[in-house]
PDB file of N, CA and C in Angstrom:
ATOM      1  N   MET A   1      33.685 214.834 -27.880  1.00  0.00           N
ATOM      2  CA  MET A   1      34.059 214.212 -26.348  1.00  0.00           C
ATOM      3  C   MET A   1      33.946 215.582 -25.416  1.00  0.00           C
ATOM      4  N   LEU A   2      35.332 216.022 -25.090  1.00  0.00           N
ATOM      5  CA  LEU A   2      35.508 217.123 -24.207  1.00  0.00           C
ATOM      6  C   LEU A   2      35.489 218.107 -25.018  1.00  0.00           C
ATOM      7  N   GLN A   3      34.768 219.341 -24.692  1.00  0.00           N
ATOM      8  CA  GLN A   3      34.681 220.367 -25.858  1.00  0.00           C
ATOM      9  C   GLN A   3      34.776 221.672 -24.907  1.00  0.00           C
ATOM     10  N   GLU A   4      35.624 222.687 -25.442  1.00  0.00           N
ATOM     11  CA  GLU A   4      35.681 224.079 -24.980  1.00  0.00           C
ATOM     12  C   GLU A   4      34.503 224.792 -25.300  1.00  0.00           C
ATOM     13  N   THR A   5      33.863 224.579 -26.589  1.00  0.00           N
ATOM     14  CA  THR A   5      32.623 225.221 -26.878  1.00  0.00           C
ATOM     15  C   THR A   5      31.761 224.359 -27.769  1.00  0.00           C
ATOM     16  N   ASP A   6      30.485 224.715 -27.673  1.00  0.00           N
ATOM     17  CA  ASP A   6      29.773 223.822 -28.682  1.00  0.00           C
ATOM     18  C   ASP A   6      29.114 224.842 -29.528  1.00  0.00           C
ATOM     19  N   LYS A   7      29.236 224.495 -30.753  1.00  0.00           N
ATOM     20  CA  LYS A   7      28.931 225.386 -32.090  1.00  0.00           C
ATOM     21  C   LYS A   7      27.290 225.178 -32.116  1.00  0.00           C
ATOM     22  N   LYS A   8      26.612 224.207 -31.827  1.00  0.00           N
ATOM     23  CA  LYS A   8      25.110 223.881 -31.765  1.00  0.00           C
ATOM     24  C   LYS A   8      24.554 224.694 -30.977  1.00  0.00           C
ATOM     25  N   GLN A   9      24.974 224.473 -29.543  1.00  0.00           N
ATOM     26  CA  GLN A   9      24.183 225.164 -28.573  1.00  0.00           C
ATOM     27  C   GLN A   9      25.274 226.175 -27.820  1.00  0.00           C
ATOM     28  N   SER A  10      24.395 227.162 -27.387  1.00  0.00           N
ATOM     29  CA  SER A  10      25.366 228.199 -26.516  1.00  0.00           C
ATOM     30  C   SER A  10      25.396 227.592 -25.040  1.00  0.00           C
ATOM     31  N   PHE A  11      26.300 228.233 -24.318  1.00  0.00           N
ATOM     32  CA  PHE A  11      26.679 227.843 -22.704  1.00  0.00           C
ATOM     33  C   PHE A  11      25.393 227.859 -22.154  1.00  0.00           C
ATOM     34  N   GLY A  12      24.453 229.036 -22.333  1.00  0.00           N
ATOM     35  CA  GLY A  12      23.244 229.327 -21.540  1.00  0.00           C
ATOM     36  C   GLY A  12      22.307 228.191 -21.943  1.00  0.00           C
ATOM     37  N   GLU A  13      22.288 227.734 -23.167  1.00  0.00           N
ATOM     38  CA  GLU A  13      21.233 226.561 -23.476  1.00  0.00           C
ATOM     39  C   GLU A  13      21.653 225.383 -23.155  1.00  0.00           C
ATOM     40  N   LEU A  14      22.804 225.138 -22.900  1.00  0.00           N
ATOM     41  CA  LEU A  14      23.434 223.812 -22.386  1.00  0.00           C
ATOM     42  C   LEU A  14      23.083 223.687 -20.922  1.00  0.00           C
ATOM     43  N   ILE A  15      23.394 224.644 -20.059  1.00  0.00           N
ATOM     44  CA  ILE A  15      23.149 224.752 -18.729  1.00  0.00           C
ATOM     45  C   ILE A  15      21.774 224.710 -18.355  1.00  0.00           C
ATOM     46  N   ASN A  16      20.797 225.157 -19.039  1.00  0.00           N
ATOM     47  CA  ASN A  16      19.471 225.291 -18.975  1.00  0.00           C
ATOM     48  C   ASN A  16      18.672 223.908 -19.334  1.00  0.00           C
ATOM     49  N   GLY A  17      19.496 222.822 -20.083  1.00  0.00           N
ATOM     50  CA  GLY A  17      18.669 221.737 -20.700  1.00  0.00           C
ATOM     51  C   GLY A  17      18.597 220.853 -19.382  1.00  0.00           C
ATOM     52  N   GLN A  18      17.792 219.682 -19.833  1.00  0.00           N
ATOM     53  CA  GLN A  18      17.763 218.560 -18.762  1.00  0.00           C
ATOM     54  C   GLN A  18      18.760 217.568 -18.547  1.00  0.00           C
ATOM     55  N   LYS A  19      19.661 217.713 -19.490  1.00  0.00           N
ATOM     56  CA  LYS A  19      20.820 216.781 -19.300  1.00  0.00           C
ATOM     57  C   LYS A  19      21.843 217.476 -18.286  1.00  0.00           C
ATOM     58  N   PRO A  20      22.239 216.856 -17.471  1.00  0.00           N
ATOM     59  CA  PRO A  20      23.348 217.459 -16.482  1.00  0.00           C
ATOM     60  C   PRO A  20      24.629 217.637 -17.340  1.00  0.00           C
ATOM     61  N   VAL A  21      25.137 218.983 -16.849  1.00  0.00           N
ATOM     62  CA  VAL A  21      26.455 219.509 -17.443  1.00  0.00           C
ATOM     63  C   VAL A  21      27.447 219.464 -16.306  1.00  0.00           C
ATOM     64  N   LEU A  22      28.541 218.907 -16.606  1.00  0.00           N
ATOM     65  CA  LEU A  22      29.540 219.320 -15.580  1.00  0.00           C
ATOM     66  C   LEU A  22      30.526 220.233 -16.203  1.00  0.00           C
ATOM     67  N   VAL A  23      30.755 221.294 -15.728  1.00  0.00           N
ATOM     68  CA  VAL A  23      31.537 222.309 -16.156  1.00  0.00           C
ATOM     69  C   VAL A  23      32.897 222.449 -15.435  1.00  0.00           C
ATOM     70  N   ASP A  24      33.983 222.306 -16.286  1.00  0.00           N
ATOM     71  CA  ASP A  24      35.304 222.706 -15.760  1.00  0.00           C
ATOM     72  C   ASP A  24      35.642 223.931 -15.859  1.00  0.00           C
ATOM     73  N   PHE A  25      35.875 225.036 -15.064  1.00  0.00           N
ATOM     74  CA  PHE A  25      36.374 226.067 -15.217  1.00  0.00           C
ATOM     75  C   PHE A  25      38.022 225.976 -15.067  1.00  0.00           C
ATOM     76  N   PHE A  26      38.730 226.526 -16.069  1.00  0.00           N
ATOM     77  CA  PHE A  26      40.270 226.061 -16.156  1.00  0.00           C
ATOM     78  C   PHE A  26      40.856 227.155 -16.822  1.00  0.00           C
ATOM     79  N   ALA A  27      42.431 227.037 -16.315  1.00  0.00           N
ATOM     80  CA  ALA A  27      43.208 227.869 -17.210  1.00  0.00           C
ATOM     81  C   ALA A  27      44.411 227.068 -17.913  1.00  0.00           C
ATOM     82  N   GLU A  28      45.008 227.506 -18.981  1.00  0.00           N
ATOM     83  CA  GLU A  28      46.006 226.845 -19.545  1.00  0.00           C
ATOM     84  C   GLU A  28      47.173 226.913 -18.770  1.00  0.00           C
ATOM     85  N   TRP A  29      47.161 227.974 -17.937  1.00  0.00           N
ATOM     86  CA  TRP A  29      48.691 228.034 -17.074  1.00  0.00           C
ATOM     87  C   TRP A  29      48.634 227.307 -15.634  1.00  0.00           C
ATOM     88  N   CYS A  30      47.632 226.684 -15.444  1.00  0.00           N
ATOM     89  CA  CYS A  30      46.976 225.996 -14.284  1.00  0.00           C
ATOM     90  C   CYS A  30      47.423 224.498 -14.220  1.00  0.00           C
ATOM     91  N   GLY A  31      48.369 223.901 -13.351  1.00  0.00           N
ATOM     92  CA  GLY A  31      48.841 222.601 -13.239  1.00  0.00           C
ATOM     93  C   GLY A  31      47.778 221.735 -13.066  1.00  0.00           C
ATOM     94  N   PRO A  32      47.101 221.944 -11.659  1.00  0.00           N
ATOM     95  CA  PRO A  32      46.021 220.871 -11.480  1.00  0.00           C
ATOM     96  C   PRO A  32      44.977 220.998 -12.567  1.00  0.00           C
ATOM     97  N   CYS A  33      44.838 222.172 -13.367  1.00  0.00           N
ATOM     98  CA  CYS A  33      43.829 221.886 -14.283  1.00  0.00           C
ATOM     99  C   CYS A  33      44.281 220.844 -15.423  1.00  0.00           C
ATOM    100  N   LYS A  34      45.680 221.033 -15.521  1.00  0.00           N
ATOM    101  CA  LYS A  34      46.037 219.678 -16.678  1.00  0.00           C
ATOM    102  C   LYS A  34      45.770 218.506 -16.337  1.00  0.00           C
ATOM    103  N   MET A  35      45.711 218.165 -14.667  1.00  0.00           N
ATOM    104  CA  MET A  35      45.738 217.108 -14.439  1.00  0.00           C
ATOM    105  C   MET A  35      44.019 216.518 -14.629  1.00  0.00           C
ATOM    106  N   MET A  36      43.317 217.541 -14.704  1.00  0.00           N
ATOM    107  CA  MET A  36      41.745 216.892 -14.963  1.00  0.00           C
ATOM    108  C   MET A  36      41.488 216.555 -16.187  1.00  0.00           C
ATOM    109  N   LYS A  37      42.205 216.863 -17.472  1.00  0.00           N
ATOM    110  CA  LYS A  37      41.867 216.486 -18.407  1.00  0.00           C
ATOM    111  C   LYS A  37      41.826 214.914 -18.712  1.00  0.00           C
ATOM    112  N   PRO A  38      42.686 214.005 -18.265  1.00  0.00           N
ATOM    113  CA  PRO A  38      42.778 212.540 -18.419  1.00  0.00           C
ATOM    114  C   PRO A  38      41.583 212.135 -17.237  1.00  0.00           C
ATOM    115  N   VAL A  39      41.092 212.703 -16.303  1.00  0.00           N
ATOM    116  CA  VAL A  39      40.051 212.450 -15.217  1.00  0.00           C
ATOM    117  C   VAL A  39      38.673 212.722 -16.155  1.00  0.00           C
ATOM    118  N   LEU A  40      38.533 213.822 -16.755  1.00  0.00           N
ATOM    119  CA  LEU A  40      37.327 213.993 -17.430  1.00  0.00           C
ATOM    120  C   LEU A  40      37.128 213.166 -18.588  1.00  0.00           C
ATOM    121  N   GLU A  41      38.189 212.708 -19.325  1.00  0.00           N
ATOM    122  CA  GLU A  41      38.078 211.755 -20.307  1.00  0.00           C
ATOM    123  C   GLU A  41      37.698 210.432 -19.939  1.00  0.00           C
ATOM    124  N   GLU A  42      38.202 209.994 -18.638  1.00  0.00           N
ATOM    125  CA  GLU A  42      37.762 209.003 -18.084  1.00  0.00           C
ATOM    126  C   GLU A  42      36.263 208.755 -17.610  1.00  0.00           C
ATOM    127  N   LEU A  43      35.941 210.009 -17.170  1.00  0.00           N
ATOM    128  CA  LEU A  43      34.490 210.290 -16.734  1.00  0.00           C
ATOM    129  C   LEU A  43      33.707 210.052 -17.922  1.00  0.00           C
ATOM    130  N   HIS A  44      33.938 210.561 -19.006  1.00  0.00           N
ATOM    131  CA  HIS A  44      33.228 210.507 -20.265  1.00  0.00           C
ATOM    132  C   HIS A  44      33.138 209.228 -20.820  1.00  0.00           C
ATOM    133  N   GLN A  45      34.096 208.502 -20.762  1.00  0.00           N
ATOM    134  CA  GLN A  45      34.272 206.950 -21.128  1.00  0.00           C
ATOM    135  C   GLN A  45      33.080 205.931 -20.187  1.00  0.00           C
ATOM    136  N   LYS A  46      33.111 206.421 -18.762  1.00  0.00           N
ATOM    137  CA  LYS A  46      32.257 205.689 -18.072  1.00  0.00           C
ATOM    138  C   LYS A  46      30.880 206.231 -18.055  1.00  0.00           C
ATOM    139  N   MET A  47      30.587 207.333 -18.348  1.00  0.00           N
ATOM    140  CA  MET A  47      29.222 207.803 -18.243  1.00  0.00           C
ATOM    141  C   MET A  47      28.572 208.047 -19.397  1.00  0.00           C
ATOM    142  N   GLY A  48      29.430 208.273 -20.568  1.00  0.00           N
ATOM    143  CA  GLY A  48      29.062 208.325 -21.720  1.00  0.00           C
ATOM    144  C   GLY A  48      28.011 209.591 -22.164  1.00  0.00           C
ATOM    145  N   ASP A  49      26.699 209.432 -22.897  1.00  0.00           N
ATOM    146  CA  ASP A  49      26.111 210.570 -23.103  1.00  0.00           C
ATOM    147  C   ASP A  49      25.107 210.990 -21.940  1.00  0.00           C
ATOM    148  N   LYS A  50      25.379 210.375 -20.434  1.00  0.00           N
ATOM    149  CA  LYS A  50      24.490 210.583 -19.604  1.00  0.00           C
ATOM    150  C   LYS A  50      24.860 212.061 -19.100  1.00  0.00           C
ATOM    151  N   VAL A  51      25.782 212.609 -19.132  1.00  0.00           N
ATOM    152  CA  VAL A  51      26.231 213.941 -18.904  1.00  0.00           C
ATOM    153  C   VAL A  51      27.019 214.708 -19.762  1.00  0.00           C
ATOM    154  N   ARG A  52      26.903 215.932 -20.100  1.00  0.00           N
ATOM    155  CA  ARG A  52      27.826 216.725 -20.853  1.00  0.00           C
ATOM    156  C   ARG A  52      28.851 217.245 -20.212  1.00  0.00           C
ATOM    157  N   ILE A  53      30.041 217.313 -20.592  1.00  0.00           N
ATOM    158  CA  ILE A  53      30.983 217.646 -19.801  1.00  0.00           C
ATOM    159  C   ILE A  53      31.736 218.862 -20.992  1.00  0.00           C
ATOM    160  N   ILE A  54      31.932 220.108 -20.192  1.00  0.00           N
ATOM    161  CA  ILE A  54      32.346 221.160 -20.964  1.00  0.00           C
ATOM    162  C   ILE A  54      33.472 221.831 -19.998  1.00  0.00           C
ATOM    163  N   LYS A  55      34.425 222.395 -20.989  1.00  0.00           N
ATOM    164  CA  LYS A  55      35.555 223.040 -20.267  1.00  0.00           C
ATOM    165  C   LYS A  55      35.283 224.547 -20.561  1.00  0.00           C
ATOM    166  N   VAL A  56      35.476 225.436 -19.677  1.00  0.00           N
ATOM    167  CA  VAL A  56      35.467 226.863 -19.799  1.00  0.00           C
ATOM    168  C   VAL A  56      36.772 227.403 -19.364  1.00  0.00           C
ATOM    169  N   ASP A  57      37.689 228.252 -20.266  1.00  0.00           N
ATOM    170  CA  ASP A  57      38.969 228.782 -20.125  1.00  0.00           C
ATOM    171  C   ASP A  57      38.546 230.083 -19.395  1.00  0.00           C
ATOM    172  N   ILE A  58      38.761 230.137 -18.166  1.00  0.00           N
ATOM    173  CA  ILE A  58      38.415 231.633 -17.480  1.00  0.00           C
ATOM    174  C   ILE A  58      39.278 232.811 -18.165  1.00  0.00           C
ATOM    175  N   ASP A  59      40.217 232.648 -18.852  1.00  0.00           N
ATOM    176  CA  ASP A  59      40.993 233.647 -19.340  1.00  0.00           C
ATOM    177  C   ASP A  59      40.113 234.082 -20.926  1.00  0.00           C
ATOM    178  N   LYS A  60      39.654 233.209 -21.477  1.00  0.00           N
ATOM    179  CA  LYS A  60      38.950 233.486 -22.573  1.00  0.00           C
ATOM    180  C   LYS A  60      37.536 233.783 -22.324  1.00  0.00           C
ATOM    181  N   SER A  61      36.861 233.355 -21.215  1.00  0.00           N
ATOM    182  CA  SER A  61      35.408 233.628 -21.189  1.00  0.00           C
ATOM    183  C   SER A  61      35.454 234.217 -19.527  1.00  0.00           C
ATOM    184  N   PRO A  62      35.991 235.187 -19.253  1.00  0.00           N
ATOM    185  CA  PRO A  62      35.882 235.812 -18.088  1.00  0.00           C
ATOM    186  C   PRO A  62      34.418 235.977 -17.461  1.00  0.00           C
ATOM    187  N   ALA A  63      33.702 236.383 -18.349  1.00  0.00           N
ATOM    188  CA  ALA A  63      32.414 236.631 -17.853  1.00  0.00           C
ATOM    189  C   ALA A  63      31.366 235.627 -17.528  1.00  0.00           C
ATOM    190  N   ALA A  64      31.729 234.471 -17.858  1.00  0.00           N
ATOM    191  CA  ALA A  64      31.223 232.989 -17.449  1.00  0.00           C
ATOM    192  C   ALA A  64      31.700 232.888 -16.017  1.00  0.00           C
ATOM    193  N   ALA A  65      33.157 232.967 -15.617  1.00  0.00           N
ATOM    194  CA  ALA A  65      33.778 232.677 -14.578  1.00  0.00           C
ATOM    195  C   ALA A  65      33.217 233.672 -13.633  1.00  0.00           C
ATOM    196  N   GLN A  66      32.829 234.934 -13.799  1.00  0.00           N
ATOM    197  CA  GLN A  66      32.458 235.842 -12.844  1.00  0.00           C
ATOM    198  C   GLN A  66      30.956 235.604 -12.507  1.00  0.00           C
ATOM    199  N   ALA A  67      30.201 235.153 -13.528  1.00  0.00           N
ATOM    200  CA  ALA A  67      28.766 234.871 -13.345  1.00  0.00           C
ATOM    201  C   ALA A  67      28.843 233.655 -12.509  1.00  0.00           C
ATOM    202  N   PHE A  68      29.727 232.809 -12.325  1.00  0.00           N
ATOM    203  CA  PHE A  68      29.649 231.550 -11.425  1.00  0.00           C
ATOM    204  C   PHE A  68      30.477 231.849 -10.133  1.00  0.00           C
ATOM    205  N   ASP A  69      31.016 233.001  -9.918  1.00  0.00           N
ATOM    206  CA  ASP A  69      31.994 233.475  -8.891  1.00  0.00           C
ATOM    207  C   ASP A  69      33.194 232.493  -8.757  1.00  0.00           C
ATOM    208  N   VAL A  70      33.732 232.294  -9.889  1.00  0.00           N
ATOM    209  CA  VAL A  70      34.835 231.136  -9.755  1.00  0.00           C
ATOM    210  C   VAL A  70      36.019 231.993  -9.190  1.00  0.00           C
ATOM    211  N   GLN A  71      36.603 231.677  -8.104  1.00  0.00           N
ATOM    212  CA  GLN A  71      37.633 232.151  -7.587  1.00  0.00           C
ATOM    213  C   GLN A  71      39.049 231.686  -7.783  1.00  0.00           C
ATOM    214  N   SER A  72      39.138 230.229  -8.060  1.00  0.00           N
ATOM    215  CA  SER A  72      40.041 229.411  -8.049  1.00  0.00           C
ATOM    216  C   SER A  72      39.902 228.657  -9.326  1.00  0.00           C
ATOM    217  N   VAL A  73      40.982 227.908  -9.950  1.00  0.00           N
ATOM    218  CA  VAL A  73      40.852 227.013 -10.977  1.00  0.00           C
ATOM    219  C   VAL A  73      41.651 225.652 -10.447  1.00  0.00           C
ATOM    220  N   PRO A  74      41.291 224.541 -10.910  1.00  0.00           N
ATOM    221  CA  PRO A  74      40.094 224.204 -11.538  1.00  0.00           C
ATOM    222  C   PRO A  74      38.882 224.329 -10.446  1.00  0.00           C
ATOM    223  N   THR A  75      37.808 224.748 -10.943  1.00  0.00           N
ATOM    224  CA  THR A  75      36.465 224.806 -10.218  1.00  0.00           C
ATOM    225  C   THR A  75      35.709 223.823 -11.091  1.00  0.00           C
ATOM    226  N   LEU A  76      34.900 223.027 -10.363  1.00  0.00           N
ATOM    227  CA  LEU A  76      33.998 222.011 -10.983  1.00  0.00           C
ATOM    228  C   LEU A  76      32.843 222.266 -10.897  1.00  0.00           C
ATOM    229  N   LEU A  77      31.634 222.672 -11.431  1.00  0.00           N
ATOM    230  CA  LEU A  77      30.269 222.774 -11.149  1.00  0.00           C
ATOM    231  C   LEU A  77      29.484 221.795 -11.970  1.00  0.00           C
ATOM    232  N   LEU A  78      28.365 221.198 -11.460  1.00  0.00           N
ATOM    233  CA  LEU A  78      27.346 220.444 -11.879  1.00  0.00           C
ATOM    234  C   LEU A  78      26.330 221.055 -11.791  1.00  0.00           C
ATOM    235  N   ILE A  79      25.569 221.229 -13.210  1.00  0.00           N
ATOM    236  CA  ILE A  79      24.562 222.100 -13.257  1.00  0.00           C
ATOM    237  C   ILE A  79      23.370 221.269 -13.956  1.00  0.00           C
ATOM    238  N   GLN A  80      22.251 221.411 -13.907  1.00  0.00           N
ATOM    239  CA  GLN A  80      20.895 221.096 -14.605  1.00  0.00           C
ATOM    240  C   GLN A  80      19.849 221.809 -14.430  1.00  0.00           C
ATOM    241  N   GLU A  81      19.327 221.946 -15.698  1.00  0.00           N
ATOM    242  CA  GLU A  81      18.027 222.903 -15.624  1.00  0.00           C
ATOM    243  C   GLU A  81      18.304 224.411 -14.996  1.00  0.00           C
ATOM    244  N   GLY A  82      19.377 224.673 -15.265  1.00  0.00           N
ATOM    245  CA  GLY A  82      19.860 226.152 -14.778  1.00  0.00           C
ATOM    246  C   GLY A  82      20.182 226.099 -13.468  1.00  0.00           C
ATOM    247  N   LYS A  83      20.216 225.038 -12.664  1.00  0.00           N
ATOM    248  CA  LYS A  83      20.565 224.946 -11.169  1.00  0.00           C
ATOM    249  C   LYS A  83      21.840 224.427 -10.954  1.00  0.00           C
ATOM    250  N   THR A  84      22.720 225.136  -9.998  1.00  0.00           N
ATOM    251  CA  THR A  84      24.099 224.453  -9.691  1.00  0.00           C
ATOM    252  C   THR A  84      23.597 223.629  -8.571  1.00  0.00           C
ATOM    253  N   LEU A  85      23.881 222.136  -8.893  1.00  0.00           N
ATOM    254  CA  LEU A  85      23.718 221.418  -7.943  1.00  0.00           C
ATOM    255  C   LEU A  85      24.769 220.805  -7.051  1.00  0.00           C
ATOM    256  N   TRP A  86      25.972 221.227  -7.542  1.00  0.00           N
ATOM    257  CA  TRP A  86      27.179 220.840  -6.687  1.00  0.00           C
ATOM    258  C   TRP A  86      28.457 221.847  -7.394  1.00  0.00           C
ATOM    259  N   ARG A  87      29.143 222.030  -6.361  1.00  0.00           N
ATOM    260  CA  ARG A  87      30.641 222.746  -6.998  1.00  0.00           C
ATOM    261  C   ARG A  87      31.862 222.344  -5.893  1.00  0.00           C
ATOM    262  N   GLN A  88      32.661 222.320  -6.565  1.00  0.00           N
ATOM    263  CA  GLN A  88      34.015 222.041  -5.758  1.00  0.00           C
ATOM    264  C   GLN A  88      35.248 222.632  -6.587  1.00  0.00           C
ATOM    265  N   PRO A  89      36.081 223.367  -5.957  1.00  0.00           N
ATOM    266  CA  PRO A  89      37.529 223.737  -6.395  1.00  0.00           C
ATOM    267  C   PRO A  89      38.419 222.646  -6.135  1.00  0.00           C
ATOM    268  N   GLY A  90      39.399 222.539  -7.160  1.00  0.00           N
ATOM    269  CA  GLY A  90      40.528 221.736  -7.153  1.00  0.00           C
ATOM    270  C   GLY A  90      40.092 220.303  -7.835  1.00  0.00           C
ATOM    271  N   ALA A  91      41.246 219.503  -8.115  1.00  0.00           N
ATOM    272  CA  ALA A  91      41.224 218.379  -8.845  1.00  0.00           C
ATOM    273  C   ALA A  91      40.620 217.374  -8.062  1.00  0.00           C
ATOM    274  N   VAL A  92      39.797 216.445  -8.651  1.00  0.00           N
ATOM    275  CA  VAL A  92      39.110 215.279  -8.014  1.00  0.00           C
ATOM    276  C   VAL A  92      39.041 214.212  -9.059  1.00  0.00           C
ATOM    277  N   PRO A  93      38.897 212.913  -8.352  1.00  0.00           N
ATOM    278  CA  PRO A  93      39.178 211.523  -9.282  1.00  0.00           C
ATOM    279  C   PRO A  93      37.772 211.489 -10.116  1.00  0.00           C
ATOM    280  N   ALA A  94      37.971 210.596 -11.105  1.00  0.00           N
ATOM    281  CA  ALA A  94      36.818 210.421 -11.955  1.00  0.00           C
ATOM    282  C   ALA A  94      35.640 209.712 -11.340  1.00  0.00           C
ATOM    283  N   SER A  95      35.978 208.483 -10.337  1.00  0.00           N
ATOM    284  CA  SER A  95      35.080 207.861  -9.605  1.00  0.00           C
ATOM    285  C   SER A  95      34.328 208.820  -8.872  1.00  0.00           C
ATOM    286  N   TYR A  96      34.828 209.803  -8.205  1.00  0.00           N
ATOM    287  CA  TYR A  96      34.167 210.712  -7.227  1.00  0.00           C
ATOM    288  C   TYR A  96      33.329 211.437  -7.959  1.00  0.00           C
ATOM    289  N   LEU A  97      33.651 211.952  -9.070  1.00  0.00           N
ATOM    290  CA  LEU A  97      32.991 212.764 -10.069  1.00  0.00           C
ATOM    291  C   LEU A  97      31.472 212.084 -10.518  1.00  0.00           C
ATOM    292  N   GLN A  98      31.872 210.803 -10.811  1.00  0.00           N
ATOM    293  CA  GLN A  98      30.712 209.890 -11.218  1.00  0.00           C
ATOM    294  C   GLN A  98      29.697 209.854 -10.165  1.00  0.00           C
ATOM    295  N   LYS A  99      29.990 209.462  -8.824  1.00  0.00           N
ATOM    296  CA  LYS A  99      29.262 209.630  -7.600  1.00  0.00           C
ATOM    297  C   LYS A  99      28.502 210.829  -7.441  1.00  0.00           C
ATOM    298  N   ILE A 100      29.091 211.940  -7.626  1.00  0.00           N
ATOM    299  CA  ILE A 100      28.297 213.111  -7.424  1.00  0.00           C
ATOM    300  C   ILE A 100      27.299 213.330  -8.479  1.00  0.00           C
ATOM    301  N   ILE A 101      27.561 213.006  -9.752  1.00  0.00           N
ATOM    302  CA  ILE A 101      26.635 213.064 -10.775  1.00  0.00           C
ATOM    303  C   ILE A 101      25.552 212.258 -10.487  1.00  0.00           C
ATOM    304  N   GLU A 102      25.623 211.139 -10.188  1.00  0.00           N
ATOM    305  CA  GLU A 102      24.586 210.040  -9.947  1.00  0.00           C
ATOM    306  C   GLU A 102      23.806 210.486  -8.583  1.00  0.00           C
ATOM    307  N   LEU A 103      24.419 211.040  -7.660  1.00  0.00           N
ATOM    308  CA  LEU A 103      23.671 211.387  -6.465  1.00  0.00           C
ATOM    309  C   LEU A 103      23.061 212.739  -6.633  1.00  0.00           C
ATOM    310  N   HIS A 104      23.099 213.564  -7.658  1.00  0.00           N
ATOM    311  CA  HIS A 104      22.799 215.015  -7.612  1.00  0.00           C
ATOM    312  C   HIS A 104      21.810 215.120  -8.735  1.00  0.00           C
ATOM    313  N   THR A 105      21.651 214.122  -9.706  1.00  0.00           N
ATOM    314  CA  THR A 105      21.000 214.317 -10.920  1.00  0.00           C
ATOM    315  C   THR A 105      19.792 213.368 -11.214  1.00  0.00           C
ATOM    316  N   THR A 106      18.906 213.838 -11.977  1.00  0.00           N
ATOM    317  CA  THR A 106      17.650 213.022 -11.857  1.00  0.00           C
ATOM    318  C   THR A 106      17.598 211.950 -13.062  1.00  0.00           C
ATOM    319  N   ASN A 107      18.293 212.194 -14.197  1.00  0.00           N
ATOM    320  CA  ASN A 107      17.965 211.204 -15.290  1.00  0.00           C
ATOM    321  C   ASN A 107      19.329 210.645 -15.589  1.00  0.00           C
ATOM    322  N   VAL A 108      20.063 210.289 -14.695  1.00  0.00           N
ATOM    323  CA  VAL A 108      21.514 209.399 -15.014  1.00  0.00           C
ATOM    324  C   VAL A 108      21.383 208.108 -14.693  1.00  0.00           C
TER     325      VAL A 108
END
């Protein structure tokens, strides 16, 4: 379901694929980041396999955070075929994320 790493595919392979990827840049010490976990689980239940949801710990993967210019956590990015379609810092509700994904992606 929600995963920090995918042993089958690298981060680069995931974000360059046709399936939209919602990336949650987070940190263990971040209060609002902890609030996003149930939100992302709810989103996964609503959308199933239409979108891949991954979490990236900025303390464990600083290069990824730097590559996407993540200045605060949580920061959410929607990426498809290597293009960032949407980004927003802060916690947001699942219904809002679902609308964003449906609005910005081609195969949802």
